[in-house]
Amino acid sequence: MSETTWLTQDSYDRLKAEYDHLVGVGRTDIADKIEAAREEGDLKENGGYHAAREEQAKQEARIRQLDELLRNAQVGEPPADDGVVEPGMVVTVSLAGEEITFLLGSREVAGDTDLDVYSSGSPLGAAILDRKVGETAEYTTPNGKSLQAKILKATPYDG
């Protein structure tokens, strides 16, 4: 089952450009590298050939990831600045006496930011989704511990 990912138009355009490059020029470049390495002879002991094939496998995995992400993307404006937690927001919570700030959404939306990213399907993300600033949500961590997170701030991500 695929998860819908909220993306700004800028994020969508950036990811689409990466996808287009990888399926076009990227695939041609890898094929050329593999062919050049093949011409060097014995493939069993050809490090260049094996490196090019490994690069090809990684690139094809990224193409599949981008294809699924773009097909399931919800593109639009950032969420409203109304204090309600939803994907595409930077959220600050008080958790076990510590304040943590993160983007609720996808690493792909965050791009090159240093913000931590939590999926809305993660235990914490699911617990705070659709709640308002000031509310407290309880959730169970992967190790079975129950924690409370108080929502201190929720603002649209502008990155």
Foldseek 3Di string as FASTA:
>chain_A
DADEFEAEPVLLVVLVVVLVCCVPVVVVVLVVQLVVQVVVDDPVPRPSNVVSVVVVVVSVVSNVVSVRRNVRYDYDDWDDQPQFDDQQKWWWKQKPNDIATAHETDVSRVPPDPGHYDYCPAFVNVQRHRHGQQDKGWGAHPVGDIIIIHTHHIGGDPD
